[in-house]
C-alpha atoms as a PDB file:
ATOM      1  CA  MET A   1       0.171   0.249   0.084  1.00  0.00           C
ATOM      2  CA  LEU A   2       1.436   3.400  -1.026  1.00  0.00           C
ATOM      3  CA  SER A   3       1.865   5.884   2.232  1.00  0.00           C
ATOM      4  CA  PHE A   4       2.186   9.314   1.225  1.00  0.00           C
ATOM      5  CA  LEU A   5       4.265  10.457   4.102  1.00  0.00           C
ATOM      6  CA  THR A   6       5.757  13.343   5.684  1.00  0.00           C
ATOM      7  CA  PRO A   7       9.877  13.752   5.570  1.00  0.00           C
ATOM      8  CA  ALA A   8      10.349  13.134   9.713  1.00  0.00           C
ATOM      9  CA  ALA A   9       8.401   9.823   8.792  1.00  0.00           C
ATOM     10  CA  LEU A  10       9.911   8.986   6.020  1.00  0.00           C
ATOM     11  CA  LEU A  11      13.300   9.243   7.443  1.00  0.00           C
ATOM     12  CA  ALA A  12      12.393   7.310  10.309  1.00  0.00           C
ATOM     13  CA  LEU A  13      11.617   4.444   7.286  1.00  0.00           C
ATOM     14  CA  ALA A  14      14.531   4.612   5.984  1.00  0.00           C
ATOM     15  CA  LEU A  15      16.315   3.144   9.008  1.00  0.00           C
ATOM     16  CA  THR A  16      13.656  -0.440   8.496  1.00  0.00           C
ATOM     17  CA  ALA A  17      13.585  -2.426   5.797  1.00  0.00           C
ATOM     18  CA  PRO A  18      11.732  -0.404   3.428  1.00  0.00           C
ATOM     19  CA  LEU A  19       8.607  -2.908   3.116  1.00  0.00           C
ATOM     20  CA  GLU A  20       6.075  -0.627   1.201  1.00  0.00           C
ATOM     21  CA  THR A  21       6.575   2.749  -0.789  1.00  0.00           C
ATOM     22  CA  ALA A  22       6.763   5.796   0.616  1.00  0.00           C
ATOM     23  CA  LEU A  23       6.451   9.340  -1.587  1.00  0.00           C
ATOM     24  CA  VAL A  24       7.677  12.596  -0.214  1.00  0.00           C
ATOM     25  CA  LEU A  25       6.044  15.227  -3.043  1.00  0.00           C
ATOM     26  CA  PRO A  26       5.860  18.949  -2.737  1.00  0.00           C
ATOM     27  CA  PRO A  27       2.779  21.021  -1.806  1.00  0.00           C
ATOM     28  CA  SER A  28       0.654  20.533  -5.077  1.00  0.00           C
ATOM     29  CA  ALA A  29      -2.804  18.437  -6.344  1.00  0.00           C
ATOM     30  CA  ALA A  30      -0.548  15.424  -6.719  1.00  0.00           C
ATOM     31  CA  ALA A  31       0.329  15.717  -3.083  1.00  0.00           C
ATOM     32  CA  ASP A  32      -3.121  16.052  -2.142  1.00  0.00           C
ATOM     33  CA  PHE A  33      -4.364  13.273  -4.555  1.00  0.00           C
ATOM     34  CA  LEU A  34      -1.737  10.833  -2.828  1.00  0.00           C
ATOM     35  CA  ALA A  35      -3.395  12.444   0.550  1.00  0.00           C
ATOM     36  CA  GLU A  36      -6.292  11.217   0.212  1.00  0.00           C
ATOM     37  CA  ALA A  37      -7.644   7.698   2.232  1.00  0.00           C
ATOM     38  CA  PRO A  38      -6.688   4.874  -0.767  1.00  0.00           C
ATOM     39  CA  PRO A  39      -9.868   2.791  -1.499  1.00  0.00           C
ATOM     40  CA  GLU A  40      -9.405  -0.859  -2.110  1.00  0.00           C
ATOM     41  CA  ALA A  41      -6.279  -1.837  -4.503  1.00  0.00           C
ATOM     42  CA  ALA A  42      -7.431  -2.214  -8.056  1.00  0.00           C
ATOM     43  CA  THR A  43      -5.131  -2.991 -11.281  1.00  0.00           C
ATOM     44  CA  PRO A  44      -5.506  -0.425 -13.861  1.00  0.00           C
ATOM     45  CA  PRO A  45      -5.628  -1.463 -17.647  1.00  0.00           C
ATOM     46  CA  ASN A  46      -2.858  -2.663 -19.520  1.00  0.00           C
ATOM     47  CA  ALA A  47      -1.568   0.646 -21.436  1.00  0.00           C
ATOM     48  CA  HIS A  48       1.296   0.902 -23.444  1.00  0.00           C
ATOM     49  CA  VAL A  49       2.960   4.240 -25.476  1.00  0.00           C
ATOM     50  CA  PRO A  50       5.916   4.144 -27.289  1.00  0.00           C
ATOM     51  CA  ASP A  51       8.765   5.870 -26.422  1.00  0.00           C
ATOM     52  CA  TRP A  52       9.185   9.113 -28.202  1.00  0.00           C
ATOM     53  CA  SER A  53      12.152   7.898 -29.481  1.00  0.00           C
ATOM     54  CA  SER A  54      10.600   5.139 -31.382  1.00  0.00           C
ATOM     55  CA  SER A  55      10.188   4.964 -34.872  1.00  0.00           C
ATOM     56  CA  ALA A  56       6.205   3.603 -33.915  1.00  0.00           C
ATOM     57  CA  TRP A  57       5.258   7.642 -33.763  1.00  0.00           C
ATOM     58  CA  GLN A  58       6.153   7.530 -37.523  1.00  0.00           C
ATOM     59  CA  ALA A  59       2.837   5.811 -38.306  1.00  0.00           C
ATOM     60  CA  ALA A  60      -0.400   6.810 -37.187  1.00  0.00           C
ATOM     61  CA  GLY A  61      -1.065   4.299 -34.446  1.00  0.00           C
ATOM     62  CA  PRO A  62      -0.079   6.651 -31.336  1.00  0.00           C
ATOM     63  CA  TRP A  63      -1.214   9.642 -33.401  1.00  0.00           C
ATOM     64  CA  ASP A  64      -4.690   8.394 -33.113  1.00  0.00           C
ATOM     65  CA  ALA A  65      -4.902   6.544 -29.831  1.00  0.00           C
ATOM     66  CA  TRP A  66      -3.799  10.410 -28.632  1.00  0.00           C
ATOM     67  CA  ALA A  67      -6.409  11.461 -30.015  1.00  0.00           C
ATOM     68  CA  ALA A  68      -8.992   9.116 -28.797  1.00  0.00           C
ATOM     69  CA  ALA A  69      -7.999   9.652 -25.395  1.00  0.00           C
ATOM     70  CA  LEU A  70      -8.657  13.210 -25.714  1.00  0.00           C
ATOM     71  CA  GLU A  71     -12.170  12.476 -26.918  1.00  0.00           C
ATOM     72  CA  THR A  72     -13.108  11.084 -23.603  1.00  0.00           C
ATOM     73  CA  PRO A  73     -10.865  12.343 -21.054  1.00  0.00           C
ATOM     74  CA  ASP A  74     -13.103  11.606 -18.166  1.00  0.00           C
ATOM     75  CA  GLU A  75     -12.928   7.976 -18.919  1.00  0.00           C
ATOM     76  CA  PRO A  76     -10.296   6.206 -16.575  1.00  0.00           C
ATOM     77  CA  ALA A  77      -8.668   4.545 -19.495  1.00  0.00           C
ATOM     78  CA  ALA A  78      -7.998   7.770 -21.622  1.00  0.00           C
ATOM     79  CA  ARG A  79      -6.742   9.353 -18.641  1.00  0.00           C
ATOM     80  CA  LEU A  80      -4.034   6.627 -18.100  1.00  0.00           C
ATOM     81  CA  HIS A  81      -2.970   6.801 -21.634  1.00  0.00           C
ATOM     82  CA  LEU A  82      -2.868  10.674 -21.962  1.00  0.00           C
ATOM     83  CA  MET A  83      -0.545  10.070 -18.370  1.00  0.00           C
ATOM     84  CA  LEU A  84       1.501   7.524 -20.478  1.00  0.00           C
ATOM     85  CA  ASN A  85       1.740   9.907 -23.512  1.00  0.00           C
ATOM     86  CA  ALA A  86       3.257  12.864 -21.182  1.00  0.00           C
ATOM     87  CA  ARG A  87       5.637  10.839 -19.895  1.00  0.00           C
ATOM     88  CA  ALA A  88       6.161   9.434 -23.357  1.00  0.00           C
ATOM     89  CA  LEU A  89       7.474  12.786 -24.580  1.00  0.00           C
ATOM     90  CA  GLY A  90       8.888  13.744 -21.059  1.00  0.00           C
ATOM     91  CA  ARG A  91       6.199  15.921 -20.294  1.00  0.00           C
ATOM     92  CA  SER A  92       6.476  16.240 -16.576  1.00  0.00           C
ATOM     93  CA  GLU A  93       3.924  18.495 -15.305  1.00  0.00           C
ATOM     94  CA  ALA A  94       1.202  17.103 -17.923  1.00  0.00           C
ATOM     95  CA  ALA A  95       1.998  13.547 -16.173  1.00  0.00           C
ATOM     96  CA  TRP A  96       1.117  14.785 -12.795  1.00  0.00           C
ATOM     97  CA  GLY A  97      -2.099  16.982 -13.440  1.00  0.00           C
ATOM     98  CA  HIS A  98      -2.952  13.540 -15.663  1.00  0.00           C
ATOM     99  CA  PHE A  99      -1.951  11.324 -12.760  1.00  0.00           C
ATOM    100  CA  ALA A 100      -4.106  13.389 -10.026  1.00  0.00           C
ATOM    101  CA  ARG A 101      -7.041  12.503 -11.896  1.00  0.00           C
ATOM    102  CA  LEU A 102      -6.904   8.940 -12.329  1.00  0.00           C
ATOM    103  CA  PRO A 103      -8.619   6.520  -9.486  1.00  0.00           C
ATOM    104  CA  ARG A 104      -6.956   6.594  -5.997  1.00  0.00           C
ATOM    105  CA  ALA A 105      -6.712   2.889  -6.354  1.00  0.00           C
ATOM    106  CA  TRP A 106      -4.607   3.272  -9.525  1.00  0.00           C
ATOM    107  CA  ALA A 107      -1.853   5.366  -7.911  1.00  0.00           C
ATOM    108  CA  GLU A 108       0.373   2.952  -6.340  1.00  0.00           C
ATOM    109  CA  PRO A 109      -0.037   0.007  -9.048  1.00  0.00           C
ATOM    110  CA  LEU A 110       1.357   2.925 -11.297  1.00  0.00           C
ATOM    111  CA  LEU A 111       4.069   4.558  -9.532  1.00  0.00           C
ATOM    112  CA  VAL A 112       7.025   3.288 -10.486  1.00  0.00           C
ATOM    113  CA  GLU A 113       6.099   4.083 -14.465  1.00  0.00           C
ATOM    114  CA  LEU A 114       5.315   7.676 -13.271  1.00  0.00           C
ATOM    115  CA  LEU A 115       8.366   8.213 -11.342  1.00  0.00           C
ATOM    116  CA  LEU A 116      11.277   6.007 -13.569  1.00  0.00           C
ATOM    117  CA  ALA A 117       9.410   5.068 -17.060  1.00  0.00           C
ATOM    118  CA  PRO A 118      11.627   1.614 -16.585  1.00  0.00           C
ATOM    119  CA  THR A 119      11.666   0.335 -19.994  1.00  0.00           C
ATOM    120  CA  THR A 120      14.279  -2.832 -21.302  1.00  0.00           C
ATOM    121  CA  ASN A 121      15.557  -3.212 -24.257  1.00  0.00           C
ATOM    122  CA  GLU A 122      18.509  -5.990 -24.809  1.00  0.00           C
ATOM    123  CA  GLY A 123      19.288  -6.961 -21.347  1.00  0.00           C
ATOM    124  CA  VAL A 124      19.556  -2.796 -20.321  1.00  0.00           C
ATOM    125  CA  THR A 125      17.233  -1.017 -18.287  1.00  0.00           C
ATOM    126  CA  THR A 126      16.620   2.495 -18.794  1.00  0.00           C
ATOM    127  CA  LEU A 127      15.230   5.251 -16.196  1.00  0.00           C
ATOM    128  CA  ARG A 128      13.893   8.119 -17.008  1.00  0.00           C
ATOM    129  CA  PRO A 129      13.222   9.992 -13.667  1.00  0.00           C
ATOM    130  CA  LEU A 130      10.192  12.293 -13.686  1.00  0.00           C
ATOM    131  CA  LEU A 131      10.715  15.843 -12.306  1.00  0.00           C
ATOM    132  CA  PRO A 132       8.959  17.016  -9.130  1.00  0.00           C
ATOM    133  CA  PRO A 133       5.512  18.581  -9.508  1.00  0.00           C
ATOM    134  CA  VAL A 134       5.719  22.593  -9.278  1.00  0.00           C
ATOM    135  CA  PRO A 135       4.762  23.249  -5.856  1.00  0.00           C
ATOM    136  CA  VAL A 136       2.407  25.795  -4.780  1.00  0.00           C
ATOM    137  CA  ILE A 137       3.719  28.223  -3.073  1.00  0.00           C
ATOM    138  CA  ASP A 138       2.738  31.450  -0.934  1.00  0.00           C
ATOM    139  CA  ALA A 139       5.530  33.635  -2.446  1.00  0.00           C
ATOM    140  CA  ALA A 140       5.052  35.813   0.938  1.00  0.00           C
ATOM    141  CA  THR A 141       7.026  32.873   2.802  1.00  0.00           C
ATOM    142  CA  TRP A 142      10.282  33.027   1.093  1.00  0.00           C
ATOM    143  CA  LYS A 143      12.876  36.299  -0.910  1.00  0.00           C
ATOM    144  CA  GLY A 144      15.237  36.273  -3.481  1.00  0.00           C
ATOM    145  CA  LEU A 145      15.391  32.871  -5.201  1.00  0.00           C
ATOM    146  CA  PRO A 146      12.713  30.282  -5.483  1.00  0.00           C
ATOM    147  CA  PRO A 147      13.330  27.366  -2.586  1.00  0.00           C
ATOM    148  CA  LYS A 148      13.606  24.465  -4.116  1.00  0.00           C
ATOM    149  CA  ARG A 149      11.401  21.740  -4.890  1.00  0.00           C
ATOM    150  CA  ILE A 150      12.108  18.151  -4.069  1.00  0.00           C
ATOM    151  CA  MET A 151      10.389  14.859  -4.424  1.00  0.00           C
ATOM    152  CA  THR A 152      11.466  11.480  -2.449  1.00  0.00           C
ATOM    153  CA  ALA A 153      10.503   7.898  -3.221  1.00  0.00           C
ATOM    154  CA  THR A 154      11.491   4.607  -1.776  1.00  0.00           C
ATOM    155  CA  GLY A 155      10.507   0.836  -1.735  1.00  0.00           C
ATOM    156  CA  LEU A 156      10.164   1.586  -5.757  1.00  0.00           C
ATOM    157  CA  ASN A 157      10.106  -1.647  -7.120  1.00  0.00           C
ATOM    158  CA  LEU A 158      12.724  -2.705 -10.003  1.00  0.00           C
ATOM    159  CA  GLY A 159      11.758  -6.288 -10.495  1.00  0.00           C
ATOM    160  CA  ALA A 160      13.674  -7.838  -7.856  1.00  0.00           C
ATOM    161  CA  THR A 161      14.942  -4.684  -6.791  1.00  0.00           C
ATOM    162  CA  GLN A 162      14.265  -2.034  -4.749  1.00  0.00           C
ATOM    163  CA  VAL A 163      15.448   1.359  -4.930  1.00  0.00           C
ATOM    164  CA  ALA A 164      14.872   4.689  -3.724  1.00  0.00           C
ATOM    165  CA  LEU A 165      14.861   7.916  -5.643  1.00  0.00           C
ATOM    166  CA  THR A 166      15.399  11.907  -5.224  1.00  0.00           C
ATOM    167  CA  VAL A 167      14.805  14.453  -7.630  1.00  0.00           C
ATOM    168  CA  GLU A 168      15.479  17.890  -6.652  1.00  0.00           C
ATOM    169  CA  VAL A 169      15.260  21.226  -9.092  1.00  0.00           C
ATOM    170  CA  ALA A 170      17.243  24.209  -7.674  1.00  0.00           C
ATOM    171  CA  PRO A 171      17.845  27.467  -9.500  1.00  0.00           C
ATOM    172  CA  GLU A 172      21.106  26.136 -11.118  1.00  0.00           C
ATOM    173  CA  GLY A 173      20.164  22.977 -12.210  1.00  0.00           C
ATOM    174  CA  VAL A 174      18.545  19.527 -11.480  1.00  0.00           C
ATOM    175  CA  GLU A 175      20.017  16.442  -8.879  1.00  0.00           C
ATOM    176  CA  VAL A 176      18.754  12.896  -9.399  1.00  0.00           C
ATOM    177  CA  ARG A 177      19.488  10.496  -6.343  1.00  0.00           C
ATOM    178  CA  LEU A 178      19.171   6.864  -6.896  1.00  0.00           C
ATOM    179  CA  THR A 179      20.097   4.381  -4.215  1.00  0.00           C
ATOM    180  CA  TRP A 180      19.935   0.246  -3.975  1.00  0.00           C
ATOM    181  CA  GLN A 181      17.457  -0.635  -0.852  1.00  0.00           C
ATOM    182  CA  ALA A 182      17.295  -4.025  -1.578  1.00  0.00           C
ATOM    183  CA  GLY A 183      16.852  -6.996  -3.292  1.00  0.00           C
ATOM    184  CA  PRO A 184      19.913  -8.053  -5.815  1.00  0.00           C
ATOM    185  CA  PRO A 185      22.248  -5.109  -7.547  1.00  0.00           C
ATOM    186  CA  LEU A 186      20.891  -3.828 -10.922  1.00  0.00           C
ATOM    187  CA  ASP A 187      23.005  -2.097 -13.625  1.00  0.00           C
ATOM    188  CA  VAL A 188      21.040   1.107 -15.001  1.00  0.00           C
ATOM    189  CA  LEU A 189      20.762   4.021 -17.623  1.00  0.00           C
ATOM    190  CA  VAL A 190      19.532   6.854 -15.910  1.00  0.00           C
ATOM    191  CA  GLN A 191      18.674   9.799 -18.301  1.00  0.00           C
ATOM    192  CA  ILE A 192      18.610  13.245 -16.321  1.00  0.00           C
ATOM    193  CA  PRO A 193      15.083  15.060 -16.646  1.00  0.00           C
ATOM    194  CA  THR A 194      15.146  18.372 -17.607  1.00  0.00           C
ATOM    195  CA  PRO A 195      11.995  21.126 -17.183  1.00  0.00           C
ATOM    196  CA  ASP A 196      10.646  22.476 -20.100  1.00  0.00           C
ATOM    197  CA  ASP A 197      12.551  25.309 -20.882  1.00  0.00           C
ATOM    198  CA  TRP A 198      16.202  24.539 -19.475  1.00  0.00           C
ATOM    199  CA  LYS A 199      18.938  22.382 -21.005  1.00  0.00           C
ATOM    200  CA  ALA A 200      21.835  20.785 -19.809  1.00  0.00           C
ATOM    201  CA  ARG A 201      25.032  22.633 -19.905  1.00  0.00           C
ATOM    202  CA  LEU A 202      27.393  20.640 -17.229  1.00  0.00           C
ATOM    203  CA  VAL A 203      26.890  17.162 -15.960  1.00  0.00           C
ATOM    204  CA  TYR A 204      28.312  15.293 -13.336  1.00  0.00           C
ATOM    205  CA  VAL A 205      28.001  11.182 -12.657  1.00  0.00           C
ATOM    206  CA  ASP A 206      28.811  10.930  -8.744  1.00  0.00           C
ATOM    207  CA  TRP A 207      30.812  14.173  -9.099  1.00  0.00           C
ATOM    208  CA  ASP A 208      32.747  13.675 -11.331  1.00  0.00           C
ATOM    209  CA  ARG A 209      32.347  15.340 -14.920  1.00  0.00           C
ATOM    210  CA  THR A 210      31.711  13.450 -17.579  1.00  0.00           C
ATOM    211  CA  GLU A 211      29.990  14.072 -21.148  1.00  0.00           C
ATOM    212  CA  PRO A 212      26.336  14.281 -22.133  1.00  0.00           C
ATOM    213  CA  GLU A 213      24.623  10.947 -23.022  1.00  0.00           C
ATOM    214  CA  PRO A 214      21.452  11.369 -24.585  1.00  0.00           C
ATOM    215  CA  ASP A 215      20.872   7.693 -23.956  1.00  0.00           C
ATOM    216  CA  GLY A 216      21.735   7.976 -20.277  1.00  0.00           C
ATOM    217  CA  TYR A 217      24.564   7.913 -17.709  1.00  0.00           C
ATOM    218  CA  ALA A 218      25.449   3.997 -16.083  1.00  0.00           C
ATOM    219  CA  LEU A 219      24.736   3.091 -12.704  1.00  0.00           C
ATOM    220  CA  HIS A 220      25.508   0.171 -10.537  1.00  0.00           C
ATOM    221  CA  LEU A 221      22.795   0.076  -8.315  1.00  0.00           C
ATOM    222  CA  ALA A 222      24.019  -2.259  -5.325  1.00  0.00           C
ATOM    223  CA  PRO A 223      24.813  -2.411  -1.417  1.00  0.00           C
ATOM    224  CA  ALA A 224      27.048  -0.570   0.361  1.00  0.00           C
ATOM    225  CA  GLU A 225      30.537  -2.199   0.542  1.00  0.00           C
ATOM    226  CA  ALA A 226      33.376  -0.915   3.001  1.00  0.00           C
ATOM    227  CA  ASP A 227      33.642   2.640   2.729  1.00  0.00           C
ATOM    228  CA  ASP A 228      31.457   2.774  -0.506  1.00  0.00           C
ATOM    229  CA  ASP A 229      28.260   4.708  -0.763  1.00  0.00           C
ATOM    230  CA  PRO A 230      25.166   3.171  -2.592  1.00  0.00           C
ATOM    231  CA  GLU A 231      23.627   6.460  -3.211  1.00  0.00           C
ATOM    232  CA  HIS A 232      24.828   7.932  -6.727  1.00  0.00           C
ATOM    233  CA  THR A 233      23.989  11.089  -7.811  1.00  0.00           C
ATOM    234  CA  LEU A 234      23.601  12.774 -11.158  1.00  0.00           C
ATOM    235  CA  TRP A 235      23.835  16.735 -11.184  1.00  0.00           C
ATOM    236  CA  ALA A 236      23.037  18.569 -14.347  1.00  0.00           C
ATOM    237  CA  ARG A 237      23.707  22.239 -13.943  1.00  0.00           C
ATOM    238  CA  CYS A 238      21.478  23.972 -16.613  1.00  0.00           C
ATOM    239  CA  GLU A 239      20.527  27.227 -18.807  1.00  0.00           C
ATOM    240  CA  ALA A 240      17.474  28.473 -20.464  1.00  0.00           C
ATOM    241  CA  GLU A 241      16.992  27.000 -23.820  1.00  0.00           C
ATOM    242  CA  ARG A 242      15.691  29.578 -25.887  1.00  0.00           C
ATOM    243  CA  ARG A 243      12.503  29.662 -27.434  1.00  0.00           C
ATOM    244  CA  THR A 244      11.831  30.448 -31.059  1.00  0.00           C
ATOM    245  CA  TRP A 245       8.615  28.762 -32.023  1.00  0.00           C
ATOM    246  CA  PRO A 246       5.299  30.117 -31.287  1.00  0.00           C
ATOM    247  CA  ARG A 247       2.555  30.035 -28.580  1.00  0.00           C
ATOM    248  CA  LEU A 248      -0.370  27.864 -30.809  1.00  0.00           C
ATOM    249  CA  ASP A 249      -2.427  27.771 -27.186  1.00  0.00           C
ATOM    250  CA  ASP A 250      -2.003  30.900 -26.243  1.00  0.00           C
ATOM    251  CA  PRO A 251      -5.684  32.591 -25.842  1.00  0.00           C
ATOM    252  CA  ARG A 252      -4.469  35.784 -28.017  1.00  0.00           C
ATOM    253  CA  PHE A 253      -3.437  33.480 -31.039  1.00  0.00           C
ATOM    254  CA  PRO A 254      -5.620  35.060 -33.861  1.00  0.00           C
ATOM    255  CA  ILE A 255      -9.328  33.909 -34.433  1.00  0.00           C
ATOM    256  CA  PRO A 256      -9.238  32.166 -37.223  1.00  0.00           C
ATOM    257  CA  ALA A 257      -6.024  31.431 -36.824  1.00  0.00           C
ATOM    258  CA  PRO A 258      -3.980  31.282 -40.063  1.00  0.00           C
ATOM    259  CA  PRO A 259      -2.716  28.074 -41.541  1.00  0.00           C
ATOM    260  CA  VAL A 260       0.281  26.195 -40.261  1.00  0.00           C
ATOM    261  CA  VAL A 261       3.116  25.221 -42.325  1.00  0.00           C
ATOM    262  CA  LEU A 262       5.862  22.951 -40.549  1.00  0.00           C
ATOM    263  CA  GLN A 263       8.783  23.779 -42.430  1.00  0.00           C
ATOM    264  CA  THR A 264      11.833  21.375 -42.963  1.00  0.00           C
ATOM    265  CA  THR A 265      13.923  20.113 -45.753  1.00  0.00           C
ATOM    266  CA  PRO A 266      13.918  17.767 -48.250  1.00  0.00           C
ATOM    267  CA  GLY A 267      16.063  14.828 -47.055  1.00  0.00           C
ATOM    268  CA  ASP A 268      14.516  14.894 -43.300  1.00  0.00           C
ATOM    269  CA  PRO A 269      14.618  11.623 -42.445  1.00  0.00           C
ATOM    270  CA  ASP A 270      11.867  11.991 -39.626  1.00  0.00           C
ATOM    271  CA  LEU A 271       9.489  13.683 -42.532  1.00  0.00           C
ATOM    272  CA  PRO A 272       7.036  10.605 -41.683  1.00  0.00           C
ATOM    273  CA  ARG A 273       6.514  11.932 -37.963  1.00  0.00           C
ATOM    274  CA  LEU A 274       6.204  15.311 -38.915  1.00  0.00           C
ATOM    275  CA  ARG A 275       3.692  14.194 -41.169  1.00  0.00           C
ATOM    276  CA  GLN A 276       1.702  12.659 -38.123  1.00  0.00           C
ATOM    277  CA  ALA A 277       2.130  15.116 -35.991  1.00  0.00           C
ATOM    278  CA  ALA A 278       0.806  17.457 -38.534  1.00  0.00           C
ATOM    279  CA  THR A 279      -2.086  15.487 -38.868  1.00  0.00           C
ATOM    280  CA  PHE A 280      -2.254  15.703 -34.842  1.00  0.00           C
ATOM    281  CA  LEU A 281      -1.924  19.389 -34.755  1.00  0.00           C
ATOM    282  CA  SER A 282      -5.095  19.820 -37.509  1.00  0.00           C
ATOM    283  CA  LYS A 283      -7.251  17.695 -35.445  1.00  0.00           C
ATOM    284  CA  THR A 284      -6.518  18.824 -32.401  1.00  0.00           C
ATOM    285  CA  LEU A 285      -6.059  22.883 -32.971  1.00  0.00           C
ATOM    286  CA  GLY A 286      -9.569  22.616 -35.693  1.00  0.00           C
ATOM    287  CA  LEU A 287      -6.849  24.097 -38.237  1.00  0.00           C
ATOM    288  CA  SER A 288      -4.956  23.928 -41.016  1.00  0.00           C
ATOM    289  CA  VAL A 289      -1.325  22.170 -40.840  1.00  0.00           C
ATOM    290  CA  GLU A 290       0.789  20.742 -43.651  1.00  0.00           C
ATOM    291  CA  VAL A 291       4.179  19.750 -43.934  1.00  0.00           C
ATOM    292  CA  GLN A 292       6.680  21.596 -46.533  1.00  0.00           C
ATOM    293  CA  THR A 293       9.896  20.568 -47.327  1.00  0.00           C
ATOM    294  CA  SER A 294      10.364  23.362 -49.667  1.00  0.00           C
ATOM    295  CA  ARG A 295       9.627  27.068 -49.705  1.00  0.00           C
ATOM    296  CA  ALA A 296       8.295  27.256 -52.909  1.00  0.00           C
ATOM    297  CA  ALA A 297       5.603  24.509 -52.748  1.00  0.00           C
ATOM    298  CA  ALA A 298       3.794  27.490 -50.626  1.00  0.00           C
ATOM    299  CA  THR A 299       0.044  26.977 -49.749  1.00  0.00           C
ATOM    300  CA  HIS A 300      -2.946  29.240 -51.375  1.00  0.00           C
ATOM    301  CA  PRO A 301      -4.477  30.914 -48.305  1.00  0.00           C
ATOM    302  CA  ALA A 302      -7.411  32.681 -48.680  1.00  0.00           C
ATOM    303  CA  PRO A 303      -6.273  37.029 -49.563  1.00  0.00           C
ATOM    304  CA  GLY A 304      -5.166  38.139 -46.221  1.00  0.00           C
ATOM    305  CA  ARG A 305      -4.729  34.783 -44.847  1.00  0.00           C
ATOM    306  CA  THR A 306      -0.565  34.468 -44.808  1.00  0.00           C
ATOM    307  CA  PRO A 307       0.895  30.973 -42.896  1.00  0.00           C
ATOM    308  CA  LEU A 308       2.187  30.690 -40.006  1.00  0.00           C
ATOM    309  CA  ARG A 309       5.277  29.207 -40.967  1.00  0.00           C
ATOM    310  CA  ILE A 310       7.476  27.052 -37.801  1.00  0.00           C
ATOM    311  CA  ASP A 311      11.143  25.840 -39.069  1.00  0.00           C
ATOM    312  CA  LEU A 312      11.976  22.323 -38.230  1.00  0.00           C
ATOM    313  CA  PRO A 313      14.320  21.393 -39.693  1.00  0.00           C
ATOM    314  CA  PRO A 314      16.766  18.339 -38.403  1.00  0.00           C
ATOM    315  CA  SER A 315      19.131  19.724 -35.016  1.00  0.00           C
ATOM    316  CA  ASP A 316      19.283  19.207 -31.480  1.00  0.00           C
ATOM    317  CA  HIS A 317      16.375  21.513 -31.018  1.00  0.00           C
ATOM    318  CA  ARG A 318      13.542  20.289 -33.187  1.00  0.00           C
ATOM    319  CA  ASP A 319      12.679  16.949 -31.060  1.00  0.00           C
ATOM    320  CA  LEU A 320      11.765  20.154 -28.348  1.00  0.00           C
ATOM    321  CA  GLU A 321      10.034  21.823 -30.556  1.00  0.00           C
ATOM    322  CA  LEU A 322       7.612  19.238 -32.027  1.00  0.00           C
ATOM    323  CA  ARG A 323       6.635  17.721 -28.573  1.00  0.00           C
ATOM    324  CA  ASP A 324       6.225  21.323 -26.970  1.00  0.00           C
ATOM    325  CA  LEU A 325       3.766  22.121 -29.992  1.00  0.00           C
ATOM    326  CA  VAL A 326       2.117  18.234 -30.061  1.00  0.00           C
ATOM    327  CA  THR A 327       1.304  19.207 -26.263  1.00  0.00           C
ATOM    328  CA  GLN A 328      -0.023  22.599 -26.724  1.00  0.00           C
ATOM    329  CA  ALA A 329      -1.982  20.963 -28.574  1.00  0.00           C
ATOM    330  CA  GLU A 330      -3.492  18.650 -26.360  1.00  0.00           C
ATOM    331  CA  ARG A 331      -3.893  21.644 -23.968  1.00  0.00           C
ATOM    332  CA  VAL A 332      -6.118  23.413 -26.688  1.00  0.00           C
ATOM    333  CA  ALA A 333      -8.182  19.902 -26.966  1.00  0.00           C
ATOM    334  CA  LEU A 334      -8.654  19.462 -23.335  1.00  0.00           C
ATOM    335  CA  ALA A 335     -10.015  23.133 -22.769  1.00  0.00           C
ATOM    336  CA  ARG A 336     -12.406  23.002 -25.217  1.00  0.00           C
ATOM    337  CA  ARG A 337     -13.466  19.947 -23.586  1.00  0.00           C
ATOM    338  CA  VAL A 338     -14.336  22.391 -20.099  1.00  0.00           C
ATOM    339  CA  VAL A 339     -18.154  22.608 -20.044  1.00  0.00           C
ATOM    340  CA  GLU A 340     -19.632  25.320 -18.375  1.00  0.00           C
ATOM    341  CA  ILE A 341     -23.017  24.892 -16.050  1.00  0.00           C
ATOM    342  CA  PRO A 342     -25.488  27.790 -16.444  1.00  0.00           C
ATOM    343  CA  THR A 343     -25.512  29.701 -13.196  1.00  0.00           C
ATOM    344  CA  PRO A 344     -29.388  29.063 -11.861  1.00  0.00           C
ATOM    345  CA  ARG A 345     -31.874  31.686 -12.221  1.00  0.00           C
END
């Protein structure tokens, strides 16, 4: 059973065998959700969303499933799919938002998937830690830089191995700590998450500087031997990521909206994914979106309807831009499903 504990209670638990999962979150909707009295345990339905780097996103299947979930977001299975989708795209805050709208009985069975999203490929386990939810903080209680936001979990089951996880976001960067707690040793690759508007500039693994590794950093999780510390620390010093693409979900976006063109190069190897994304954007935003590989092959808009061009050629930034654009479309689709109840007269 999932325990939602205070930091002091969590420390007391750490002094004994971690027989159950415990989680500490900053004040947030997700924390309120987990603080509710849990009902009887229930097993959520099997659901799968392919990894964002998978070629599956070059076909229609994942996009159609995403669009279908947006049609019925109040259904638990659809909300679960939206949570897993947010995890696949690395959208921490969206994942927490969907998680807090699931049936409370599903919280514990989904916790490892939510916090670590483990995948195993050719015997290698990759962990993708989730950033903690953005805390609801009274600004009058602090001065200067905003306080750190910290999430701590113990008793997370990775097969037969139990681990503890801490993710800390400070103004300077992101720190991930993983500790073996019980079971056999486990070798993992760990990716360091960063907020949407940040990028890692310097990376340290157990305080040794290392080169950036997009696929993750190798850790050996095992009990302490001699004076070794079983806790491993990954630290990414971050800097702001300059944003050059538009806010399609901004209420000030022109109405009626102009057609949108996603511009890339003729030899783009990810062209099928871009075309699937354009179809998804068209469906969820309710406007014309197409992919072009040549500026000469222009759409013929109505007079005064100059297309909004978004340059998405292959680059280090393209993946972030595309994930953000399709996530904006999700927000638009969900906002449109909010029905205002008339005030009784």
